[in-house]
C-alpha cells in the first residue's frame, strides 16, 4: 500500500541517531550530494542531535529554528499520521503535563507557604524595629527639647 506524502503532513520517522520522532514535512525531493535518493525534510518539535535549520552545506531547503530540522531518506518514513492521531497524541501529552504539574505543585506546596510565612515574619520584624527606632529618636528629641 503506498501513501501520498505532501508538505505539511505529520509523520513518524526513523532518524539517523537510531531514535523515532514525529515531524512535520517541510521538504520532499533530491538534495545536493544525496544522489538520486529522495529525501524528506522534517521539522521536529524539540531540537535533535545533528539537527539543523533546514540548510545543508549552504543550500536552504526549508527554514526552521536551529536544531529542529533534519533530512531523512524517504524510506525512513514509518507512518503518516492522521489528524485524529495527532489530536489524540496532543490530548495524551496535555493530560501527562497536568498530572506532572499537579504533582509538582503538591510537592512544593509546604515550601511555598513556609517561604511566604518567613517573609511575612521578616517584614513584621523589620517594621517593629523601624517603629522602635522612631520612638527612641522621638523620645530623645522630646527629652532634649524639654531640657532646653
N, C-alpha and C. Protein backbone atom coordinates (compact mmCIF):
# COMPACT_ATOMS: atom_id res chain seq x y z
N UNK A 1 0.85 -1.19 0.00
CA UNK A 1 0.00 0.00 0.00
C UNK A 1 0.89 1.24 0.00
N UNK A 2 0.70 2.11 -0.95
CA UNK A 2 1.51 3.33 -0.99
C UNK A 2 0.72 4.49 -0.40
N UNK A 3 1.48 5.44 0.19
CA UNK A 3 0.88 6.61 0.83
C UNK A 3 1.43 7.84 0.14
N UNK A 4 0.57 8.78 -0.13
CA UNK A 4 0.99 10.04 -0.74
C UNK A 4 1.41 11.01 0.36
N UNK A 5 2.64 11.48 0.28
CA UNK A 5 3.16 12.44 1.25
C UNK A 5 3.26 13.82 0.60
N UNK A 6 2.88 14.85 1.36
CA UNK A 6 3.00 16.22 0.87
C UNK A 6 3.53 17.10 2.00
N UNK A 7 4.01 18.28 1.63
CA UNK A 7 4.47 19.23 2.64
C UNK A 7 3.31 19.55 3.57
N UNK A 8 3.59 19.58 4.86
CA UNK A 8 2.55 19.86 5.83
C UNK A 8 2.01 18.61 6.51
N UNK A 9 2.33 17.43 5.98
CA UNK A 9 1.92 16.18 6.62
C UNK A 9 2.76 15.95 7.87
N UNK A 10 2.17 15.27 8.84
CA UNK A 10 2.88 14.89 10.06
C UNK A 10 3.20 13.41 9.93
N UNK A 11 4.48 13.07 10.18
CA UNK A 11 4.92 11.69 10.00
C UNK A 11 5.75 11.21 11.19
N UNK A 12 5.84 9.89 11.30
CA UNK A 12 6.77 9.27 12.24
C UNK A 12 7.93 8.78 11.39
N UNK A 13 9.16 9.12 11.81
CA UNK A 13 10.34 8.75 11.02
C UNK A 13 11.42 8.16 11.90
N UNK A 14 12.19 7.26 11.30
CA UNK A 14 13.36 6.70 11.98
C UNK A 14 14.55 7.60 11.63
N UNK A 15 15.12 8.24 12.66
CA UNK A 15 16.21 9.19 12.43
C UNK A 15 17.56 8.49 12.41
N UNK A 16 18.55 9.11 11.81
CA UNK A 16 19.89 8.51 11.75
C UNK A 16 20.50 8.24 13.13
N UNK A 17 20.00 8.92 14.17
CA UNK A 17 20.53 8.74 15.51
C UNK A 17 19.87 7.56 16.23
N UNK A 18 19.22 6.69 15.46
CA UNK A 18 18.54 5.49 15.97
C UNK A 18 17.41 5.80 16.96
N UNK A 19 16.73 6.91 16.73
CA UNK A 19 15.52 7.19 17.50
C UNK A 19 14.37 7.42 16.53
N UNK A 20 13.17 7.32 17.05
CA UNK A 20 11.98 7.58 16.25
C UNK A 20 11.42 8.92 16.70
N UNK A 21 11.01 9.73 15.73
CA UNK A 21 10.50 11.06 16.06
C UNK A 21 9.30 11.40 15.19
N UNK A 22 8.50 12.31 15.71
CA UNK A 22 7.37 12.85 14.95
C UNK A 22 7.84 14.18 14.36
N UNK A 23 7.55 14.38 13.09
CA UNK A 23 7.96 15.62 12.45
C UNK A 23 6.96 16.08 11.41
N UNK A 24 7.04 17.35 11.09
CA UNK A 24 6.21 17.98 10.07
C UNK A 24 7.02 18.07 8.79
N UNK A 25 6.47 17.56 7.70
CA UNK A 25 7.21 17.59 6.43
C UNK A 25 7.30 19.02 5.91
N UNK A 26 8.54 19.47 5.69
CA UNK A 26 8.81 20.80 5.15
C UNK A 26 9.42 20.75 3.74
N UNK A 27 9.92 19.57 3.36
CA UNK A 27 10.58 19.42 2.05
C UNK A 27 10.51 17.97 1.61
N UNK A 28 10.29 17.75 0.32
CA UNK A 28 10.39 16.41 -0.27
C UNK A 28 11.12 16.57 -1.59
N UNK A 29 12.20 15.81 -1.77
CA UNK A 29 12.92 15.90 -3.03
C UNK A 29 14.35 15.40 -2.92
N UNK A 30 15.13 15.74 -3.94
CA UNK A 30 16.53 15.36 -4.04
C UNK A 30 17.36 16.47 -3.40
N UNK A 31 18.38 16.07 -2.62
CA UNK A 31 19.26 17.07 -2.01
C UNK A 31 20.65 16.99 -2.64
N UNK A 32 21.35 18.09 -2.60
CA UNK A 32 22.70 18.16 -3.15
C UNK A 32 23.62 17.19 -2.42
N UNK A 33 24.30 16.35 -3.15
CA UNK A 33 25.22 15.38 -2.56
C UNK A 33 24.52 14.10 -2.12
N UNK A 34 23.23 14.00 -2.35
CA UNK A 34 22.48 12.82 -1.94
C UNK A 34 22.17 11.87 -3.09
N UNK A 35 22.77 12.12 -4.26
CA UNK A 35 22.49 11.26 -5.41
C UNK A 35 21.04 11.41 -5.85
N UNK A 36 20.48 10.30 -6.30
CA UNK A 36 19.08 10.32 -6.75
C UNK A 36 18.10 9.84 -5.68
N UNK A 37 18.61 9.67 -4.48
CA UNK A 37 17.77 9.22 -3.37
C UNK A 37 16.84 10.35 -2.94
N UNK A 38 15.53 10.09 -2.88
CA UNK A 38 14.62 11.13 -2.40
C UNK A 38 14.71 11.29 -0.88
N UNK A 39 14.71 12.53 -0.44
CA UNK A 39 14.78 12.86 0.98
C UNK A 39 13.54 13.62 1.42
N UNK A 40 13.27 13.53 2.72
CA UNK A 40 12.17 14.28 3.33
C UNK A 40 12.80 15.18 4.40
N UNK A 41 12.53 16.48 4.31
CA UNK A 41 12.99 17.42 5.31
C UNK A 41 11.92 17.59 6.37
N UNK A 42 12.28 17.35 7.61
CA UNK A 42 11.32 17.39 8.71
C UNK A 42 11.63 18.51 9.70
N UNK A 43 10.57 19.08 10.26
CA UNK A 43 10.69 19.99 11.40
C UNK A 43 10.22 19.22 12.63
N UNK A 44 11.07 19.15 13.62
CA UNK A 44 10.72 18.44 14.86
C UNK A 44 10.30 19.45 15.93
N UNK A 45 9.56 18.96 16.90
CA UNK A 45 9.06 19.82 17.97
C UNK A 45 10.21 20.27 18.87
N UNK A 46 11.08 19.33 19.19
CA UNK A 46 12.22 19.62 20.05
C UNK A 46 13.51 19.53 19.23
N UNK A 47 14.55 20.22 19.67
CA UNK A 47 15.83 20.10 18.97
C UNK A 47 16.35 18.66 19.07
N UNK A 48 17.05 18.23 18.04
CA UNK A 48 17.56 16.87 17.99
C UNK A 48 19.06 16.87 17.71
N UNK A 49 19.73 15.76 18.07
CA UNK A 49 21.15 15.62 17.75
C UNK A 49 21.33 15.72 16.25
N UNK A 50 22.32 16.45 15.82
CA UNK A 50 22.64 16.65 14.40
C UNK A 50 21.54 17.37 13.65
N UNK A 51 20.65 18.07 14.40
CA UNK A 51 19.59 18.84 13.76
C UNK A 51 20.16 20.11 13.14
N UNK A 52 19.44 20.69 12.20
CA UNK A 52 19.87 21.92 11.54
C UNK A 52 18.68 22.85 11.39
N UNK A 53 18.83 23.90 10.61
CA UNK A 53 17.75 24.87 10.43
C UNK A 53 17.09 24.76 9.06
N UNK A 54 17.32 23.65 8.38
CA UNK A 54 16.78 23.45 7.03
C UNK A 54 17.81 23.67 5.94
N UNK A 55 19.00 24.06 6.35
CA UNK A 55 20.08 24.33 5.39
C UNK A 55 21.16 23.25 5.53
N UNK A 56 21.58 22.70 4.38
CA UNK A 56 22.65 21.70 4.37
C UNK A 56 23.73 22.19 3.40
N UNK A 57 24.97 22.28 3.89
CA UNK A 57 26.11 22.72 3.07
C UNK A 57 25.81 24.01 2.30
N UNK A 58 25.18 24.97 2.98
CA UNK A 58 24.90 26.26 2.37
C UNK A 58 23.65 26.29 1.50
N UNK A 59 23.03 25.17 1.24
CA UNK A 59 21.81 25.10 0.42
C UNK A 59 20.59 25.05 1.33
N UNK A 60 19.70 26.04 1.21
CA UNK A 60 18.49 26.09 2.05
C UNK A 60 17.36 25.32 1.38
N UNK A 61 16.82 24.35 2.10
CA UNK A 61 15.70 23.54 1.61
C UNK A 61 14.39 23.94 2.28
N UNK A 62 14.47 24.43 3.49
CA UNK A 62 13.34 24.95 4.24
C UNK A 62 13.91 25.73 5.41
N UNK A 63 13.06 26.41 6.16
CA UNK A 63 13.56 27.24 7.26
C UNK A 63 12.82 26.91 8.55
N UNK A 64 13.59 26.49 9.57
CA UNK A 64 13.05 26.21 10.90
C UNK A 64 14.05 26.68 11.94
N UNK A 65 13.65 26.63 13.19
CA UNK A 65 14.53 27.01 14.29
C UNK A 65 15.74 26.08 14.30
N UNK A 66 16.92 26.64 14.58
CA UNK A 66 18.16 25.88 14.60
C UNK A 66 18.04 24.64 15.48
N UNK A 67 18.44 23.48 14.95
CA UNK A 67 18.40 22.22 15.69
C UNK A 67 17.10 21.45 15.54
N UNK A 68 16.10 22.06 14.92
CA UNK A 68 14.79 21.43 14.77
C UNK A 68 14.56 20.84 13.39
N UNK A 69 15.53 20.92 12.51
CA UNK A 69 15.38 20.39 11.16
C UNK A 69 16.26 19.18 10.92
N UNK A 70 15.77 18.27 10.11
CA UNK A 70 16.57 17.10 9.73
C UNK A 70 16.06 16.57 8.39
N UNK A 71 16.96 16.03 7.61
CA UNK A 71 16.60 15.35 6.37
C UNK A 71 16.79 13.85 6.57
N UNK A 72 15.80 13.08 6.17
CA UNK A 72 15.91 11.62 6.22
C UNK A 72 15.53 11.07 4.85
N UNK A 73 16.06 9.91 4.55
CA UNK A 73 15.67 9.27 3.29
C UNK A 73 14.18 8.94 3.35
N UNK A 74 13.53 9.01 2.20
CA UNK A 74 12.11 8.72 2.12
C UNK A 74 11.78 7.35 2.72
N UNK A 75 12.69 6.39 2.54
CA UNK A 75 12.48 5.04 3.05
C UNK A 75 12.45 4.97 4.58
N UNK A 76 12.89 6.04 5.26
CA UNK A 76 12.92 6.07 6.73
C UNK A 76 11.61 6.58 7.33
N UNK A 77 10.67 6.97 6.49
CA UNK A 77 9.35 7.39 6.97
C UNK A 77 8.58 6.13 7.34
N UNK A 78 8.18 6.05 8.60
CA UNK A 78 7.49 4.86 9.10
C UNK A 78 5.99 4.94 8.87
N UNK A 79 5.42 6.13 9.14
CA UNK A 79 3.98 6.25 9.07
C UNK A 79 3.57 7.70 8.90
N UNK A 80 2.54 7.93 8.10
CA UNK A 80 1.91 9.24 8.01
C UNK A 80 0.79 9.26 9.05
N UNK A 81 0.79 10.27 9.91
CA UNK A 81 -0.23 10.35 10.95
C UNK A 81 -1.47 11.09 10.44
N UNK A 82 -2.62 10.60 10.84
CA UNK A 82 -3.87 11.29 10.51
C UNK A 82 -4.06 12.42 11.52
N UNK A 83 -4.93 13.35 11.20
CA UNK A 83 -5.21 14.45 12.13
C UNK A 83 -5.79 13.91 13.43
N UNK A 84 -6.57 12.84 13.35
CA UNK A 84 -7.13 12.22 14.55
C UNK A 84 -6.01 11.69 15.45
N UNK A 85 -5.01 11.05 14.86
CA UNK A 85 -3.88 10.53 15.65
C UNK A 85 -3.09 11.66 16.29
N UNK A 86 -2.91 12.75 15.56
CA UNK A 86 -2.19 13.90 16.10
C UNK A 86 -2.97 14.50 17.27
N UNK A 87 -4.28 14.65 17.10
CA UNK A 87 -5.11 15.22 18.15
C UNK A 87 -5.11 14.33 19.40
N UNK A 88 -5.22 13.02 19.22
CA UNK A 88 -5.20 12.10 20.36
C UNK A 88 -3.87 12.15 21.09
N UNK A 89 -2.77 12.23 20.34
CA UNK A 89 -1.44 12.33 20.95
C UNK A 89 -1.31 13.64 21.73
N UNK A 90 -1.84 14.73 21.17
CA UNK A 90 -1.80 16.02 21.84
C UNK A 90 -2.59 15.97 23.15
N UNK A 91 -3.76 15.35 23.13
CA UNK A 91 -4.55 15.20 24.36
C UNK A 91 -3.78 14.39 25.40
N UNK A 92 -3.13 13.33 24.96
CA UNK A 92 -2.34 12.49 25.86
C UNK A 92 -1.22 13.28 26.53
N UNK A 93 -0.54 14.08 25.74
CA UNK A 93 0.57 14.90 26.27
C UNK A 93 0.05 15.94 27.25
N UNK A 94 -1.09 16.57 26.93
CA UNK A 94 -1.66 17.57 27.82
C UNK A 94 -2.06 16.94 29.15
N UNK A 95 -2.66 15.76 29.11
CA UNK A 95 -3.03 15.06 30.35
C UNK A 95 -1.79 14.71 31.18
N UNK A 96 -0.73 14.24 30.52
CA UNK A 96 0.51 13.93 31.23
C UNK A 96 1.06 15.20 31.88
N UNK A 97 1.01 16.32 31.17
CA UNK A 97 1.50 17.58 31.70
C UNK A 97 0.70 18.00 32.93
N UNK A 98 -0.63 17.84 32.88
CA UNK A 98 -1.48 18.20 34.02
C UNK A 98 -1.11 17.38 35.25
N UNK A 99 -0.92 16.07 35.06
CA UNK A 99 -0.58 15.20 36.19
C UNK A 99 0.76 15.60 36.78
N UNK A 100 1.75 15.82 35.93
CA UNK A 100 3.08 16.22 36.40
C UNK A 100 3.00 17.57 37.10
N UNK A 101 2.25 18.50 36.52
CA UNK A 101 2.12 19.83 37.10
C UNK A 101 1.47 19.78 38.48
N UNK A 102 0.40 19.00 38.63
CA UNK A 102 -0.27 18.87 39.92
C UNK A 102 0.66 18.23 40.94
N UNK A 103 1.39 17.22 40.52
CA UNK A 103 2.33 16.54 41.41
C UNK A 103 3.41 17.51 41.87
N UNK A 104 3.91 18.31 40.96
CA UNK A 104 4.94 19.30 41.26
C UNK A 104 4.42 20.33 42.26
N UNK A 105 3.20 20.82 42.02
CA UNK A 105 2.62 21.82 42.92
C UNK A 105 2.45 21.25 44.33
N UNK A 106 1.97 20.01 44.44
CA UNK A 106 1.78 19.39 45.74
C UNK A 106 3.10 19.22 46.48
N UNK A 107 4.14 18.84 45.77
CA UNK A 107 5.42 18.60 46.43
C UNK A 107 6.06 19.89 46.93
N UNK A 108 5.72 21.04 46.36
CA UNK A 108 6.30 22.30 46.79
C UNK A 108 5.32 23.18 47.56
N UNK A 109 4.13 22.67 47.81
CA UNK A 109 3.11 23.44 48.50
C UNK A 109 3.58 23.94 49.86
N UNK A 110 4.11 23.06 50.69
CA UNK A 110 4.57 23.43 52.03
C UNK A 110 5.72 24.42 51.99
N UNK A 111 6.60 24.25 51.05
CA UNK A 111 7.77 25.14 50.94
C UNK A 111 7.31 26.55 50.59
N UNK A 112 6.35 26.66 49.70
CA UNK A 112 5.84 27.97 49.30
C UNK A 112 5.23 28.68 50.50
N UNK A 113 4.42 27.97 51.28
CA UNK A 113 3.79 28.55 52.46
C UNK A 113 4.87 28.98 53.45
N UNK A 114 5.86 28.13 53.69
CA UNK A 114 6.92 28.47 54.64
C UNK A 114 7.70 29.69 54.19
N UNK A 115 8.00 29.77 52.89
CA UNK A 115 8.73 30.94 52.38
C UNK A 115 7.88 32.18 52.57
N UNK A 116 6.59 32.09 52.27
CA UNK A 116 5.70 33.24 52.45
C UNK A 116 5.62 33.63 53.92
N UNK A 117 5.45 32.64 54.79
CA UNK A 117 5.36 32.93 56.21
C UNK A 117 6.66 33.56 56.71
N UNK A 118 7.79 33.05 56.26
CA UNK A 118 9.08 33.59 56.67
C UNK A 118 9.23 35.04 56.22
N UNK A 119 8.85 35.34 54.98
CA UNK A 119 8.99 36.71 54.50
C UNK A 119 8.01 37.63 55.23
N UNK A 120 6.81 37.14 55.55
CA UNK A 120 5.87 37.96 56.33
C UNK A 120 6.43 38.22 57.72
N UNK A 121 7.01 37.20 58.32
CA UNK A 121 7.63 37.34 59.64
C UNK A 121 8.73 38.39 59.60
N UNK A 122 9.60 38.32 58.57
CA UNK A 122 10.70 39.28 58.43
C UNK A 122 10.18 40.70 58.25
N UNK A 123 9.14 40.85 57.46
CA UNK A 123 8.57 42.18 57.23
C UNK A 123 8.04 42.75 58.54
N UNK A 124 7.33 41.93 59.30
CA UNK A 124 6.80 42.39 60.59
C UNK A 124 7.94 42.78 61.53
N UNK A 125 9.00 41.95 61.60
CA UNK A 125 10.15 42.26 62.47
C UNK A 125 10.82 43.57 62.04
N UNK A 126 11.00 43.75 60.74
CA UNK A 126 11.63 44.98 60.24
C UNK A 126 10.78 46.20 60.59
N UNK A 127 9.46 46.07 60.44
CA UNK A 127 8.55 47.16 60.76
C UNK A 127 8.62 47.50 62.25
N UNK A 128 8.62 46.45 63.09
CA UNK A 128 8.71 46.67 64.54
C UNK A 128 10.02 47.36 64.91
N UNK A 129 11.11 46.92 64.29
CA UNK A 129 12.43 47.51 64.55
C UNK A 129 12.44 48.98 64.13
N UNK A 130 11.88 49.28 62.97
CA UNK A 130 11.84 50.66 62.49
C UNK A 130 11.00 51.54 63.41
N UNK A 131 9.85 51.04 63.86
CA UNK A 131 9.00 51.80 64.78
C UNK A 131 9.71 52.06 66.11
N UNK A 132 10.40 51.02 66.60
CA UNK A 132 11.13 51.17 67.86
C UNK A 132 12.19 52.26 67.73
N UNK A 133 12.91 52.29 66.59
CA UNK A 133 13.94 53.32 66.36
C UNK A 133 13.30 54.71 66.34
N UNK A 134 12.14 54.82 65.63
CA UNK A 134 11.46 56.10 65.55
C UNK A 134 11.01 56.57 66.93
N UNK A 135 10.48 55.66 67.73
CA UNK A 135 10.03 56.03 69.08
C UNK A 135 11.21 56.48 69.94
N UNK A 136 12.34 55.77 69.81
CA UNK A 136 13.54 56.10 70.57
C UNK A 136 14.02 57.50 70.18
N UNK A 137 14.08 57.77 68.89
CA UNK A 137 14.53 59.07 68.40
C UNK A 137 13.57 60.15 68.88
N UNK A 138 12.28 59.88 68.77
CA UNK A 138 11.27 60.84 69.18
C UNK A 138 11.37 61.13 70.68
N UNK A 139 11.59 60.08 71.45
CA UNK A 139 11.73 60.23 72.90
C UNK A 139 12.96 61.07 73.22
N UNK A 140 14.10 60.79 72.58
CA UNK A 140 15.32 61.56 72.82
C UNK A 140 15.12 63.02 72.43
N UNK A 141 14.49 63.22 71.27
CA UNK A 141 14.26 64.58 70.79
C UNK A 141 13.37 65.34 71.75
N UNK A 142 12.34 64.73 72.20
CA UNK A 142 11.41 65.37 73.13
C UNK A 142 12.09 65.67 74.46
N UNK A 143 12.88 64.75 74.98
CA UNK A 143 13.58 64.97 76.25
C UNK A 143 14.57 66.13 76.11
N UNK A 144 15.25 66.21 74.99
CA UNK A 144 16.21 67.28 74.76
C UNK A 144 15.49 68.61 74.68
N UNK A 145 14.35 68.66 74.03
CA UNK A 145 13.57 69.88 73.92
C UNK A 145 13.14 70.37 75.31
N UNK A 146 12.76 69.42 76.13
CA UNK A 146 12.28 69.79 77.47
C UNK A 146 13.42 70.38 78.29
N UNK A 147 14.64 69.86 78.15
CA UNK A 147 15.77 70.35 78.90
C UNK A 147 16.18 71.76 78.48
N UNK A 148 15.95 72.09 77.21
CA UNK A 148 16.37 73.42 76.73
C UNK A 148 15.46 74.47 77.17
